[in-house]
Amino acid sequence: MSITPTILIVEDDESFNALLTTVLKEEGFQVFGAHTGAEAVSLCDQVQPDLMLLDMQLPDMSGIDVLTTTCLLYTSDAADEEDSV
Protein backbone atom coordinates (compact mmCIF):
# COMPACT_ATOMS: atom_id res chain seq x y z
CA MET A 1 0.00 0.00 0.00
CA SER A 2 1.47 3.35 -0.99
CA ILE A 3 0.75 6.68 0.63
CA THR A 4 -0.15 9.52 -1.72
CA PRO A 5 1.98 12.62 -1.09
CA THR A 6 -0.03 15.68 -0.06
CA ILE A 7 0.64 19.16 -1.46
CA LEU A 8 -0.78 22.43 -0.17
CA ILE A 9 -0.91 25.20 -2.77
CA VAL A 10 -1.07 28.69 -1.27
CA GLU A 11 -1.79 31.12 -4.10
CA ASP A 12 -4.24 34.02 -4.17
CA ASP A 13 -4.48 34.02 -7.98
CA GLU A 14 -7.46 31.67 -8.38
CA SER A 15 -6.72 30.66 -11.98
CA PHE A 16 -3.07 29.82 -11.22
CA ASN A 17 -4.13 27.94 -8.08
CA ALA A 18 -6.64 25.94 -10.14
CA LEU A 19 -4.06 25.21 -12.86
CA LEU A 20 -1.49 23.92 -10.36
CA THR A 21 -4.18 21.85 -8.62
CA THR A 22 -5.29 20.24 -11.88
CA VAL A 23 -1.77 19.40 -13.05
CA LEU A 24 -0.68 17.97 -9.70
CA LYS A 25 -3.85 15.90 -9.26
CA GLU A 26 -3.32 14.45 -12.75
CA GLU A 27 0.16 13.41 -11.59
CA GLY A 28 -1.36 11.51 -8.67
CA PHE A 29 -0.87 13.90 -5.77
CA GLN A 30 -3.46 14.76 -3.15
CA VAL A 31 -3.82 18.53 -3.44
CA PHE A 32 -5.36 21.17 -1.19
CA GLY A 33 -5.61 24.85 -2.09
CA ALA A 34 -5.62 28.02 -0.02
CA HIS A 35 -6.07 31.60 -1.20
CA THR A 36 -5.05 33.46 1.99
CA GLY A 37 -2.42 33.08 4.64
CA ALA A 38 -4.99 32.38 7.35
CA GLU A 39 -6.57 29.66 5.24
CA ALA A 40 -3.11 28.16 4.61
CA VAL A 41 -2.26 28.05 8.32
CA SER A 42 -5.57 26.37 9.11
CA LEU A 43 -5.25 23.82 6.29
CA CYS A 44 -1.62 23.11 7.13
CA ASP A 45 -2.63 22.25 10.66
CA GLN A 46 -5.46 20.00 9.42
CA VAL A 47 -3.81 18.10 6.56
CA GLN A 48 -0.09 18.33 7.46
CA PRO A 49 1.12 18.42 3.84
CA ASP A 50 4.34 16.87 2.63
CA LEU A 51 5.01 19.96 0.50
CA MET A 52 3.69 23.52 0.46
CA LEU A 53 3.90 25.68 -2.68
CA LEU A 54 3.71 29.14 -1.15
CA ASP A 55 3.09 32.55 -2.72
CA MET A 56 5.15 35.17 -0.91
CA GLN A 57 2.66 38.04 -1.43
CA LEU A 58 -0.73 37.03 -0.07
CA PRO A 59 -3.58 39.47 0.63
CA ASP A 60 -3.62 39.04 4.41
CA MET A 61 -0.02 38.16 5.35
CA SER A 62 3.33 37.49 3.78
CA GLY A 63 4.44 34.02 2.78
CA ILE A 64 7.23 34.32 5.35
CA ASP A 65 4.61 34.85 8.08
CA VAL A 66 2.74 31.75 6.88
CA LEU A 67 5.94 29.73 6.85
CA THR A 68 6.98 30.93 10.30
CA THR A 69 3.54 30.15 11.76
CA THR A 70 3.32 26.70 10.18
CA CYS A 71 6.89 25.83 11.21
CA LEU A 72 5.97 26.73 14.77
CA LEU A 73 2.96 24.40 14.54
CA TYR A 74 5.13 21.51 13.35
CA THR A 75 7.81 22.24 15.93
CA SER A 76 5.20 22.27 18.71
CA ASP A 77 3.69 19.01 17.45
CA ALA A 78 7.12 17.37 17.35
CA ALA A 79 7.88 18.53 20.89
CA ASP A 80 4.55 17.14 22.09
CA GLU A 81 5.32 13.77 20.49
CA GLU A 82 8.74 13.63 22.14
CA ASP A 83 7.20 14.42 25.51
CA SER A 84 4.63 11.66 25.13
CA VAL A 85 7.17 8.92 24.32
PDB file of N, CA and C in Angstrom:
ATOM      1  N   MET A   1       0.847  -1.177   0.000  1.00  0.00           N
ATOM      2  CA  MET A   1       0.000   0.000   0.000  1.00  0.00           C
ATOM      3  C   MET A   1       0.892   1.240   0.000  1.00  0.00           C
ATOM      4  N   SER A   2       0.676   2.134  -0.933  1.00  0.00           N
ATOM      5  CA  SER A   2       1.473   3.351  -0.993  1.00  0.00           C
ATOM      6  C   SER A   2       0.665   4.534  -0.457  1.00  0.00           C
ATOM      7  N   ILE A   3       1.372   5.471   0.104  1.00  0.00           N
ATOM      8  CA  ILE A   3       0.750   6.682   0.634  1.00  0.00           C
ATOM      9  C   ILE A   3       0.913   7.786  -0.409  1.00  0.00           C
ATOM     10  N   THR A   4      -0.181   8.438  -0.734  1.00  0.00           N
ATOM     11  CA  THR A   4      -0.152   9.522  -1.716  1.00  0.00           C
ATOM     12  C   THR A   4       0.389  10.797  -1.068  1.00  0.00           C
ATOM     13  N   PRO A   5       1.452  11.367  -1.632  1.00  0.00           N
ATOM     14  CA  PRO A   5       1.976  12.622  -1.085  1.00  0.00           C
ATOM     15  C   PRO A   5       0.929  13.742  -1.167  1.00  0.00           C
ATOM     16  N   THR A   6       0.922  14.581  -0.157  1.00  0.00           N
ATOM     17  CA  THR A   6      -0.026  15.678  -0.057  1.00  0.00           C
ATOM     18  C   THR A   6       0.684  17.002  -0.295  1.00  0.00           C
ATOM     19  N   ILE A   7       0.086  17.839  -1.144  1.00  0.00           N
ATOM     20  CA  ILE A   7       0.644  19.156  -1.459  1.00  0.00           C
ATOM     21  C   ILE A   7      -0.386  20.223  -1.126  1.00  0.00           C
ATOM     22  N   LEU A   8       0.059  21.260  -0.447  1.00  0.00           N
ATOM     23  CA  LEU A   8      -0.779  22.426  -0.166  1.00  0.00           C
ATOM     24  C   LEU A   8      -0.312  23.568  -1.054  1.00  0.00           C
ATOM     25  N   ILE A   9      -1.212  24.059  -1.907  1.00  0.00           N
ATOM     26  CA  ILE A   9      -0.913  25.197  -2.775  1.00  0.00           C
ATOM     27  C   ILE A   9      -1.496  26.440  -2.121  1.00  0.00           C
ATOM     28  N   VAL A  10      -0.642  27.430  -1.873  1.00  0.00           N
ATOM     29  CA  VAL A  10      -1.074  28.693  -1.275  1.00  0.00           C
ATOM     30  C   VAL A  10      -0.819  29.784  -2.309  1.00  0.00           C
ATOM     31  N   GLU A  11      -1.891  30.172  -2.981  1.00  0.00           N
ATOM     32  CA  GLU A  11      -1.788  31.119  -4.102  1.00  0.00           C
ATOM     33  C   GLU A  11      -3.098  31.884  -4.202  1.00  0.00           C
ATOM     34  N   ASP A  12      -3.020  33.217  -4.135  1.00  0.00           N
ATOM     35  CA  ASP A  12      -4.245  34.024  -4.173  1.00  0.00           C
ATOM     36  C   ASP A  12      -4.800  34.218  -5.585  1.00  0.00           C
ATOM     37  N   ASP A  13      -4.002  33.954  -6.605  1.00  0.00           N
ATOM     38  CA  ASP A  13      -4.485  34.017  -7.984  1.00  0.00           C
ATOM     39  C   ASP A  13      -5.267  32.721  -8.252  1.00  0.00           C
ATOM     40  N   GLU A  14      -6.595  32.847  -8.305  1.00  0.00           N
ATOM     41  CA  GLU A  14      -7.458  31.666  -8.381  1.00  0.00           C
ATOM     42  C   GLU A  14      -7.199  30.818  -9.626  1.00  0.00           C
ATOM     43  N   SER A  15      -6.942  31.445 -10.757  1.00  0.00           N
ATOM     44  CA  SER A  15      -6.723  30.657 -11.978  1.00  0.00           C
ATOM     45  C   SER A  15      -5.397  29.896 -11.913  1.00  0.00           C
ATOM     46  N   PHE A  16      -4.359  30.510 -11.353  1.00  0.00           N
ATOM     47  CA  PHE A  16      -3.072  29.823 -11.222  1.00  0.00           C
ATOM     48  C   PHE A  16      -3.175  28.702 -10.193  1.00  0.00           C
ATOM     49  N   ASN A  17      -3.903  28.955  -9.101  1.00  0.00           N
ATOM     50  CA  ASN A  17      -4.130  27.936  -8.078  1.00  0.00           C
ATOM     51  C   ASN A  17      -4.844  26.736  -8.702  1.00  0.00           C
ATOM     52  N   ALA A  18      -5.878  27.010  -9.497  1.00  0.00           N
ATOM     53  CA  ALA A  18      -6.635  25.936 -10.143  1.00  0.00           C
ATOM     54  C   ALA A  18      -5.775  25.156 -11.137  1.00  0.00           C
ATOM     55  N   LEU A  19      -4.942  25.861 -11.899  1.00  0.00           N
ATOM     56  CA  LEU A  19      -4.061  25.206 -12.856  1.00  0.00           C
ATOM     57  C   LEU A  19      -3.092  24.256 -12.150  1.00  0.00           C
ATOM     58  N   LEU A  20      -2.417  24.759 -11.115  1.00  0.00           N
ATOM     59  CA  LEU A  20      -1.491  23.916 -10.363  1.00  0.00           C
ATOM     60  C   LEU A  20      -2.204  22.712  -9.763  1.00  0.00           C
ATOM     61  N   THR A  21      -3.400  22.939  -9.219  1.00  0.00           N
ATOM     62  CA  THR A  21      -4.178  21.849  -8.622  1.00  0.00           C
ATOM     63  C   THR A  21      -4.485  20.776  -9.657  1.00  0.00           C
ATOM     64  N   THR A  22      -4.944  21.183 -10.819  1.00  0.00           N
ATOM     65  CA  THR A  22      -5.288  20.238 -11.880  1.00  0.00           C
ATOM     66  C   THR A  22      -4.086  19.414 -12.312  1.00  0.00           C
ATOM     67  N   VAL A  23      -2.970  20.086 -12.578  1.00  0.00           N
ATOM     68  CA  VAL A  23      -1.766  19.398 -13.049  1.00  0.00           C
ATOM     69  C   VAL A  23      -1.262  18.410 -11.999  1.00  0.00           C
ATOM     70  N   LEU A  24      -1.214  18.838 -10.750  1.00  0.00           N
ATOM     71  CA  LEU A  24      -0.675  17.966  -9.702  1.00  0.00           C
ATOM     72  C   LEU A  24      -1.605  16.789  -9.400  1.00  0.00           C
ATOM     73  N   LYS A  25      -2.910  17.010  -9.455  1.00  0.00           N
ATOM     74  CA  LYS A  25      -3.850  15.899  -9.260  1.00  0.00           C
ATOM     75  C   LYS A  25      -3.713  14.878 -10.388  1.00  0.00           C
ATOM     76  N   GLU A  26      -3.520  15.359 -11.620  1.00  0.00           N
ATOM     77  CA  GLU A  26      -3.322  14.449 -12.747  1.00  0.00           C
ATOM     78  C   GLU A  26      -2.061  13.611 -12.582  1.00  0.00           C
ATOM     79  N   GLU A  27      -1.083  14.138 -11.851  1.00  0.00           N
ATOM     80  CA  GLU A  27       0.159  13.414 -11.590  1.00  0.00           C
ATOM     81  C   GLU A  27       0.048  12.483 -10.378  1.00  0.00           C
ATOM     82  N   GLY A  28      -1.128  12.464  -9.749  1.00  0.00           N
ATOM     83  CA  GLY A  28      -1.365  11.506  -8.674  1.00  0.00           C
ATOM     84  C   GLY A  28      -1.205  12.031  -7.257  1.00  0.00           C
ATOM     85  N   PHE A  29      -1.011  13.325  -7.102  1.00  0.00           N
ATOM     86  CA  PHE A  29      -0.867  13.898  -5.769  1.00  0.00           C
ATOM     87  C   PHE A  29      -2.226  14.234  -5.172  1.00  0.00           C
ATOM     88  N   GLN A  30      -2.287  14.224  -3.841  1.00  0.00           N
ATOM     89  CA  GLN A  30      -3.459  14.755  -3.147  1.00  0.00           C
ATOM     90  C   GLN A  30      -3.187  16.244  -2.941  1.00  0.00           C
ATOM     91  N   VAL A  31      -4.091  17.092  -3.422  1.00  0.00           N
ATOM     92  CA  VAL A  31      -3.823  18.533  -3.440  1.00  0.00           C
ATOM     93  C   VAL A  31      -4.910  19.299  -2.692  1.00  0.00           C
ATOM     94  N   PHE A  32      -4.469  20.240  -1.877  1.00  0.00           N
ATOM     95  CA  PHE A  32      -5.359  21.166  -1.188  1.00  0.00           C
ATOM     96  C   PHE A  32      -4.942  22.574  -1.592  1.00  0.00           C
ATOM     97  N   GLY A  33      -5.906  23.489  -1.685  1.00  0.00           N
ATOM     98  CA  GLY A  33      -5.613  24.850  -2.094  1.00  0.00           C
ATOM     99  C   GLY A  33      -6.073  25.863  -1.063  1.00  0.00           C
ATOM    100  N   ALA A  34      -5.274  26.901  -0.895  1.00  0.00           N
ATOM    101  CA  ALA A  34      -5.616  28.018  -0.015  1.00  0.00           C
ATOM    102  C   ALA A  34      -5.371  29.306  -0.790  1.00  0.00           C
ATOM    103  N   HIS A  35      -6.204  30.319  -0.503  1.00  0.00           N
ATOM    104  CA  HIS A  35      -6.072  31.601  -1.199  1.00  0.00           C
ATOM    105  C   HIS A  35      -5.589  32.731  -0.287  1.00  0.00           C
ATOM    106  N   THR A  36      -5.536  32.463   1.019  1.00  0.00           N
ATOM    107  CA  THR A  36      -5.053  33.461   1.987  1.00  0.00           C
ATOM    108  C   THR A  36      -4.083  32.787   2.948  1.00  0.00           C
ATOM    109  N   GLY A  37      -3.332  33.610   3.648  1.00  0.00           N
ATOM    110  CA  GLY A  37      -2.418  33.078   4.640  1.00  0.00           C
ATOM    111  C   GLY A  37      -3.138  32.376   5.775  1.00  0.00           C
ATOM    112  N   ALA A  38      -4.232  32.981   6.244  1.00  0.00           N
ATOM    113  CA  ALA A  38      -4.991  32.382   7.346  1.00  0.00           C
ATOM    114  C   ALA A  38      -5.551  31.022   6.947  1.00  0.00           C
ATOM    115  N   GLU A  39      -6.049  30.936   5.734  1.00  0.00           N
ATOM    116  CA  GLU A  39      -6.565  29.662   5.235  1.00  0.00           C
ATOM    117  C   GLU A  39      -5.435  28.633   5.137  1.00  0.00           C
ATOM    118  N   ALA A  40      -4.264  29.059   4.720  1.00  0.00           N
ATOM    119  CA  ALA A  40      -3.113  28.164   4.607  1.00  0.00           C
ATOM    120  C   ALA A  40      -2.695  27.616   5.963  1.00  0.00           C
ATOM    121  N   VAL A  41      -2.643  28.487   6.973  1.00  0.00           N
ATOM    122  CA  VAL A  41      -2.256  28.047   8.320  1.00  0.00           C
ATOM    123  C   VAL A  41      -3.254  27.020   8.842  1.00  0.00           C
ATOM    124  N   SER A  42      -4.534  27.292   8.650  1.00  0.00           N
ATOM    125  CA  SER A  42      -5.573  26.370   9.109  1.00  0.00           C
ATOM    126  C   SER A  42      -5.474  25.025   8.389  1.00  0.00           C
ATOM    127  N   LEU A  43      -5.347  25.060   7.061  1.00  0.00           N
ATOM    128  CA  LEU A  43      -5.251  23.821   6.293  1.00  0.00           C
ATOM    129  C   LEU A  43      -3.977  23.052   6.614  1.00  0.00           C
ATOM    130  N   CYS A  44      -2.894  23.759   6.814  1.00  0.00           N
ATOM    131  CA  CYS A  44      -1.623  23.113   7.127  1.00  0.00           C
ATOM    132  C   CYS A  44      -1.740  22.339   8.431  1.00  0.00           C
ATOM    133  N   ASP A  45      -2.418  22.920   9.383  1.00  0.00           N
ATOM    134  CA  ASP A  45      -2.625  22.247  10.663  1.00  0.00           C
ATOM    135  C   ASP A  45      -3.514  21.016  10.499  1.00  0.00           C
ATOM    136  N   GLN A  46      -4.514  21.097   9.621  1.00  0.00           N
ATOM    137  CA  GLN A  46      -5.457  19.998   9.425  1.00  0.00           C
ATOM    138  C   GLN A  46      -4.871  18.846   8.611  1.00  0.00           C
ATOM    139  N   VAL A  47      -4.233  19.159   7.490  1.00  0.00           N
ATOM    140  CA  VAL A  47      -3.809  18.103   6.559  1.00  0.00           C
ATOM    141  C   VAL A  47      -2.331  17.738   6.665  1.00  0.00           C
ATOM    142  N   GLN A  48      -1.529  18.543   7.312  1.00  0.00           N
ATOM    143  CA  GLN A  48      -0.092  18.334   7.463  1.00  0.00           C
ATOM    144  C   GLN A  48       0.549  17.874   6.147  1.00  0.00           C
ATOM    145  N   PRO A  49       0.626  18.791   5.180  1.00  0.00           N
ATOM    146  CA  PRO A  49       1.116  18.422   3.841  1.00  0.00           C
ATOM    147  C   PRO A  49       2.587  18.028   3.838  1.00  0.00           C
ATOM    148  N   ASP A  50       2.942  17.241   2.833  1.00  0.00           N
ATOM    149  CA  ASP A  50       4.343  16.867   2.626  1.00  0.00           C
ATOM    150  C   ASP A  50       5.122  18.002   1.974  1.00  0.00           C
ATOM    151  N   LEU A  51       4.394  18.840   1.212  1.00  0.00           N
ATOM    152  CA  LEU A  51       5.007  19.957   0.500  1.00  0.00           C
ATOM    153  C   LEU A  51       4.020  21.111   0.440  1.00  0.00           C
ATOM    154  N   MET A  52       4.532  22.327   0.597  1.00  0.00           N
ATOM    155  CA  MET A  52       3.694  23.519   0.458  1.00  0.00           C
ATOM    156  C   MET A  52       4.298  24.411  -0.621  1.00  0.00           C
ATOM    157  N   LEU A  53       3.509  24.707  -1.663  1.00  0.00           N
ATOM    158  CA  LEU A  53       3.900  25.681  -2.680  1.00  0.00           C
ATOM    159  C   LEU A  53       3.295  27.004  -2.238  1.00  0.00           C
ATOM    160  N   LEU A  54       4.140  27.961  -1.892  1.00  0.00           N
ATOM    161  CA  LEU A  54       3.706  29.138  -1.151  1.00  0.00           C
ATOM    162  C   LEU A  54       4.017  30.435  -1.879  1.00  0.00           C
ATOM    163  N   ASP A  55       2.969  31.198  -2.169  1.00  0.00           N
ATOM    164  CA  ASP A  55       3.087  32.547  -2.723  1.00  0.00           C
ATOM    165  C   ASP A  55       3.635  33.448  -1.609  1.00  0.00           C
ATOM    166  N   MET A  56       4.560  34.304  -1.924  1.00  0.00           N
ATOM    167  CA  MET A  56       5.153  35.170  -0.906  1.00  0.00           C
ATOM    168  C   MET A  56       4.344  36.438  -0.652  1.00  0.00           C
ATOM    169  N   GLN A  57       3.441  36.807  -1.580  1.00  0.00           N
ATOM    170  CA  GLN A  57       2.659  38.038  -1.434  1.00  0.00           C
ATOM    171  C   GLN A  57       1.169  37.700  -1.413  1.00  0.00           C
ATOM    172  N   LEU A  58       0.673  37.363  -0.245  1.00  0.00           N
ATOM    173  CA  LEU A  58      -0.735  37.029  -0.068  1.00  0.00           C
ATOM    174  C   LEU A  58      -1.494  38.259   0.414  1.00  0.00           C
ATOM    175  N   PRO A  59      -2.822  38.275   0.263  1.00  0.00           N
ATOM    176  CA  PRO A  59      -3.580  39.474   0.628  1.00  0.00           C
ATOM    177  C   PRO A  59      -3.596  39.792   2.119  1.00  0.00           C
ATOM    178  N   ASP A  60      -3.484  38.787   2.975  1.00  0.00           N
ATOM    179  CA  ASP A  60      -3.620  39.039   4.413  1.00  0.00           C
ATOM    180  C   ASP A  60      -2.328  38.935   5.204  1.00  0.00           C
ATOM    181  N   MET A  61      -1.323  38.273   4.672  1.00  0.00           N
ATOM    182  CA  MET A  61      -0.021  38.163   5.347  1.00  0.00           C
ATOM    183  C   MET A  61       1.027  37.739   4.331  1.00  0.00           C
ATOM    184  N   SER A  62       2.269  37.885   4.705  1.00  0.00           N
ATOM    185  CA  SER A  62       3.333  37.489   3.784  1.00  0.00           C
ATOM    186  C   SER A  62       3.527  35.971   3.838  1.00  0.00           C
ATOM    187  N   GLY A  63       4.119  35.441   2.794  1.00  0.00           N
ATOM    188  CA  GLY A  63       4.443  34.023   2.780  1.00  0.00           C
ATOM    189  C   GLY A  63       5.401  33.652   3.895  1.00  0.00           C
ATOM    190  N   ILE A  64       6.290  34.571   4.244  1.00  0.00           N
ATOM    191  CA  ILE A  64       7.227  34.321   5.346  1.00  0.00           C
ATOM    192  C   ILE A  64       6.461  34.150   6.658  1.00  0.00           C
ATOM    193  N   ASP A  65       5.434  34.980   6.872  1.00  0.00           N
ATOM    194  CA  ASP A  65       4.615  34.846   8.080  1.00  0.00           C
ATOM    195  C   ASP A  65       3.894  33.497   8.105  1.00  0.00           C
ATOM    196  N   VAL A  66       3.391  33.067   6.956  1.00  0.00           N
ATOM    197  CA  VAL A  66       2.738  31.753   6.878  1.00  0.00           C
ATOM    198  C   VAL A  66       3.740  30.662   7.217  1.00  0.00           C
ATOM    199  N   LEU A  67       4.909  30.741   6.620  1.00  0.00           N
ATOM    200  CA  LEU A  67       5.945  29.734   6.849  1.00  0.00           C
ATOM    201  C   LEU A  67       6.370  29.695   8.316  1.00  0.00           C
ATOM    202  N   THR A  68       6.586  30.862   8.893  1.00  0.00           N
ATOM    203  CA  THR A  68       6.976  30.933  10.301  1.00  0.00           C
ATOM    204  C   THR A  68       5.904  30.327  11.204  1.00  0.00           C
ATOM    205  N   THR A  69       4.645  30.659  10.948  1.00  0.00           N
ATOM    206  CA  THR A  69       3.545  30.149  11.762  1.00  0.00           C
ATOM    207  C   THR A  69       3.406  28.644  11.610  1.00  0.00           C
ATOM    208  N   THR A  70       3.480  28.136  10.382  1.00  0.00           N
ATOM    209  CA  THR A  70       3.321  26.696  10.180  1.00  0.00           C
ATOM    210  C   THR A  70       4.513  25.929  10.722  1.00  0.00           C
ATOM    211  N   CYS A  71       5.711  26.489  10.623  1.00  0.00           N
ATOM    212  CA  CYS A  71       6.886  25.828  11.210  1.00  0.00           C
ATOM    213  C   CYS A  71       6.742  25.728  12.722  1.00  0.00           C
ATOM    214  N   LEU A  72       6.194  26.765  13.330  1.00  0.00           N
ATOM    215  CA  LEU A  72       5.969  26.725  14.773  1.00  0.00           C
ATOM    216  C   LEU A  72       4.950  25.643  15.124  1.00  0.00           C
ATOM    217  N   LEU A  73       3.937  25.457  14.299  1.00  0.00           N
ATOM    218  CA  LEU A  73       2.957  24.397  14.542  1.00  0.00           C
ATOM    219  C   LEU A  73       3.628  23.033  14.498  1.00  0.00           C
ATOM    220  N   TYR A  74       4.450  22.797  13.473  1.00  0.00           N
ATOM    221  CA  TYR A  74       5.128  21.513  13.350  1.00  0.00           C
ATOM    222  C   TYR A  74       6.134  21.307  14.475  1.00  0.00           C
ATOM    223  N   THR A  75       6.845  22.350  14.849  1.00  0.00           N
ATOM    224  CA  THR A  75       7.808  22.237  15.932  1.00  0.00           C
ATOM    225  C   THR A  75       7.102  21.906  17.241  1.00  0.00           C
ATOM    226  N   SER A  76       5.967  22.547  17.499  1.00  0.00           N
ATOM    227  CA  SER A  76       5.201  22.273  18.708  1.00  0.00           C
ATOM    228  C   SER A  76       4.677  20.848  18.697  1.00  0.00           C
ATOM    229  N   ASP A  77       4.182  20.388  17.557  1.00  0.00           N
ATOM    230  CA  ASP A  77       3.692  19.014  17.449  1.00  0.00           C
ATOM    231  C   ASP A  77       4.814  18.019  17.704  1.00  0.00           C
ATOM    232  N   ALA A  78       5.982  18.263  17.149  1.00  0.00           N
ATOM    233  CA  ALA A  78       7.119  17.368  17.346  1.00  0.00           C
ATOM    234  C   ALA A  78       7.533  17.339  18.818  1.00  0.00           C
ATOM    235  N   ALA A  79       7.524  18.484  19.466  1.00  0.00           N
ATOM    236  CA  ALA A  79       7.879  18.534  20.887  1.00  0.00           C
ATOM    237  C   ALA A  79       6.867  17.755  21.724  1.00  0.00           C
ATOM    238  N   ASP A  80       5.582  17.882  21.379  1.00  0.00           N
ATOM    239  CA  ASP A  80       4.555  17.143  22.094  1.00  0.00           C
ATOM    240  C   ASP A  80       4.739  15.645  21.940  1.00  0.00           C
ATOM    241  N   GLU A  81       5.104  15.186  20.728  1.00  0.00           N
ATOM    242  CA  GLU A  81       5.320  13.767  20.489  1.00  0.00           C
ATOM    243  C   GLU A  81       6.501  13.256  21.285  1.00  0.00           C
ATOM    244  N   GLU A  82       7.575  14.046  21.368  1.00  0.00           N
ATOM    245  CA  GLU A  82       8.739  13.628  22.140  1.00  0.00           C
ATOM    246  C   GLU A  82       8.398  13.514  23.612  1.00  0.00           C
ATOM    247  N   ASP A  83       7.590  14.451  24.117  1.00  0.00           N
ATOM    248  CA  ASP A  83       7.202  14.422  25.514  1.00  0.00           C
ATOM    249  C   ASP A  83       6.337  13.209  25.844  1.00  0.00           C
ATOM    250  N   SER A  84       5.560  12.751  24.849  1.00  0.00           N
ATOM    251  CA  SER A  84       4.631  11.665  25.125  1.00  0.00           C
ATOM    252  C   SER A  84       5.275  10.290  25.006  1.00  0.00           C
ATOM    253  N   VAL A  85       6.511  10.221  24.487  1.00  0.00           N
ATOM    254  CA  VAL A  85       7.171   8.920  24.316  1.00  0.00           C
ATOM    255  C   VAL A  85       7.743   8.432  25.608  1.00  0.00           C
TER     256      VAL A  85
END
